[in-house]
Amino acid sequence: MSVQNTTPPTPAEAPTPLSTPPRARLFETRGTLTPRRTVILGILGGENNPEDGTLYMYNLLEAARFCCVADGDPPFGQKYGQMTDHWNLTNKWWITFGLMNKTVDPSEGLDYELLREAL
């Protein structure tokens, strides 16, 4: 029976990102790109572009709309205050999987005070 090496990969062995981030701008603003930073930027993308297939980071107003703190609809066809729906759905599944034994009201676990203060 052989024993597998369970040592995590070193940064030099990090996977190649799916897209190449805009390196010139990053060198100017963030310094040298390391393999780990390159992988992270390959996932997040160099720009906050919802069309490029990478993760999209909400801006403050979009996050506030998603959490029912600011008026208006969040992006991507989501509805105003949809965070409460996500809370309820997750709570339901955690009960189904036996990780929780009762429903918890969203107001007991969600706190939007930082969003309110930042607006």
Protein backbone atom coordinates (compact mmCIF):
# COMPACT_ATOMS: atom_id res chain seq x y z
CA MET A 1 0.00 0.00 0.00
CA SER A 2 1.46 3.35 -1.02
CA VAL A 3 0.99 6.57 0.89
CA GLN A 4 -0.06 9.60 -1.11
CA ASN A 5 1.67 12.90 -0.58
CA THR A 6 -0.87 15.21 1.07
CA THR A 7 1.38 18.26 1.07
CA PRO A 8 -0.49 21.25 -0.38
CA PRO A 9 0.90 22.69 -3.60
CA THR A 10 3.39 25.52 -3.31
CA PRO A 11 2.49 28.87 -4.91
CA ALA A 12 4.73 27.95 -7.85
CA GLU A 13 2.44 24.94 -8.50
CA ALA A 14 -0.78 27.00 -8.42
CA PRO A 15 -3.16 26.35 -11.32
CA THR A 16 -3.18 28.63 -14.31
CA PRO A 17 -6.00 31.22 -14.16
CA LEU A 18 -8.84 30.98 -16.66
CA SER A 19 -8.25 34.52 -17.86
CA THR A 20 -5.24 36.77 -17.84
CA PRO A 21 -5.70 39.81 -15.60
CA PRO A 22 -4.68 43.23 -16.88
CA ARG A 23 -1.11 43.02 -15.59
CA ALA A 24 0.20 46.51 -16.39
CA ARG A 25 -2.36 48.25 -14.20
CA LEU A 26 -1.85 45.72 -11.40
CA PHE A 27 1.92 46.17 -11.40
CA GLU A 28 1.41 49.90 -10.93
CA THR A 29 -1.21 49.64 -8.18
CA ARG A 30 -0.52 46.40 -6.33
CA GLY A 31 3.12 45.52 -6.91
CA THR A 32 4.49 42.24 -8.18
CA LEU A 33 2.05 39.50 -9.13
CA THR A 34 2.62 36.28 -7.24
CA PRO A 35 1.24 32.94 -8.49
CA ARG A 36 -1.45 33.04 -5.76
CA ARG A 37 -2.48 36.61 -6.66
CA THR A 38 -2.64 35.62 -10.32
CA VAL A 39 -5.01 32.71 -9.50
CA ILE A 40 -7.25 34.97 -7.40
CA LEU A 41 -7.40 37.59 -10.12
CA GLY A 42 -8.17 34.87 -12.65
CA ILE A 43 -11.27 34.01 -10.61
CA LEU A 44 -12.34 37.54 -9.72
CA GLY A 45 -11.22 39.08 -12.97
CA GLY A 46 -9.29 42.29 -13.40
CA GLU A 47 -12.40 44.42 -13.86
CA ASN A 48 -15.82 44.10 -12.26
CA ASN A 49 -17.50 42.98 -15.47
CA PRO A 50 -20.65 40.83 -15.24
CA GLU A 51 -20.19 39.70 -18.84
CA ASP A 52 -16.74 38.06 -18.60
CA GLY A 53 -17.68 34.91 -16.64
CA THR A 54 -15.72 35.78 -13.51
CA LEU A 55 -17.18 36.63 -10.10
CA TYR A 56 -18.99 39.94 -9.87
CA MET A 57 -18.55 41.96 -6.70
CA TYR A 58 -21.55 44.09 -5.76
CA ASN A 59 -20.89 47.75 -5.15
CA LEU A 60 -22.27 49.33 -1.97
CA LEU A 61 -25.60 50.38 -3.47
CA GLU A 62 -26.19 47.00 -5.16
CA ALA A 63 -25.44 45.16 -1.90
CA ALA A 64 -27.79 47.50 -0.01
CA ARG A 65 -30.58 46.80 -2.52
CA PHE A 66 -30.00 43.05 -2.25
CA CYS A 67 -30.29 43.35 1.53
CA CYS A 68 -33.37 45.64 1.52
CA VAL A 69 -31.47 48.65 2.85
CA ALA A 70 -31.61 50.95 -0.21
CA ASP A 71 -34.44 51.44 -2.69
CA GLY A 72 -34.25 49.82 -6.10
CA ASP A 73 -33.55 46.39 -7.57
CA PRO A 74 -30.15 44.68 -7.39
CA PRO A 75 -28.48 43.52 -10.64
CA PHE A 76 -29.04 40.29 -12.57
CA GLY A 77 -32.83 40.22 -12.21
CA GLN A 78 -32.67 39.69 -8.47
CA LYS A 79 -35.39 41.22 -6.37
CA TYR A 80 -35.24 43.88 -3.71
CA GLY A 81 -34.45 42.28 -0.35
CA GLN A 82 -33.61 38.88 -1.82
CA MET A 83 -31.13 38.20 1.00
CA THR A 84 -34.08 37.28 3.24
CA ASP A 85 -35.15 34.62 0.71
CA HIS A 86 -31.62 33.19 0.70
CA TRP A 87 -31.61 33.09 4.50
CA ASN A 88 -34.93 31.21 4.58
CA LEU A 89 -33.90 28.74 1.88
CA THR A 90 -30.56 28.01 3.55
CA ASN A 91 -32.29 27.60 6.92
CA LYS A 92 -34.74 25.13 5.37
CA TRP A 93 -31.93 23.03 3.86
CA TRP A 94 -29.88 23.05 7.05
CA ILE A 95 -32.91 21.67 8.91
CA THR A 96 -33.38 19.05 6.16
CA PHE A 97 -29.71 17.99 6.50
CA GLY A 98 -29.95 17.86 10.29
CA LEU A 99 -27.57 20.76 10.85
CA MET A 100 -30.29 22.78 12.58
CA ASN A 101 -33.47 21.75 14.35
CA LYS A 102 -35.63 24.87 14.12
CA THR A 103 -36.37 27.76 11.81
CA VAL A 104 -34.60 30.98 12.72
CA ASP A 105 -36.14 34.31 11.72
CA PRO A 106 -33.85 36.33 9.42
CA SER A 107 -33.99 39.29 11.82
CA GLU A 108 -32.20 37.13 14.40
CA GLY A 109 -29.19 36.51 12.17
CA LEU A 110 -28.95 39.25 9.56
CA ASP A 111 -27.55 42.63 10.58
CA TYR A 112 -27.39 45.36 7.95
CA GLU A 113 -26.20 48.16 10.22
CA LEU A 114 -22.82 48.47 8.46
CA LEU A 115 -24.57 48.91 5.11
CA ARG A 116 -26.90 51.52 6.57
CA GLU A 117 -23.98 53.45 8.08
CA ALA A 118 -21.99 53.31 4.85
CA LEU A 119 -24.76 54.77 2.67
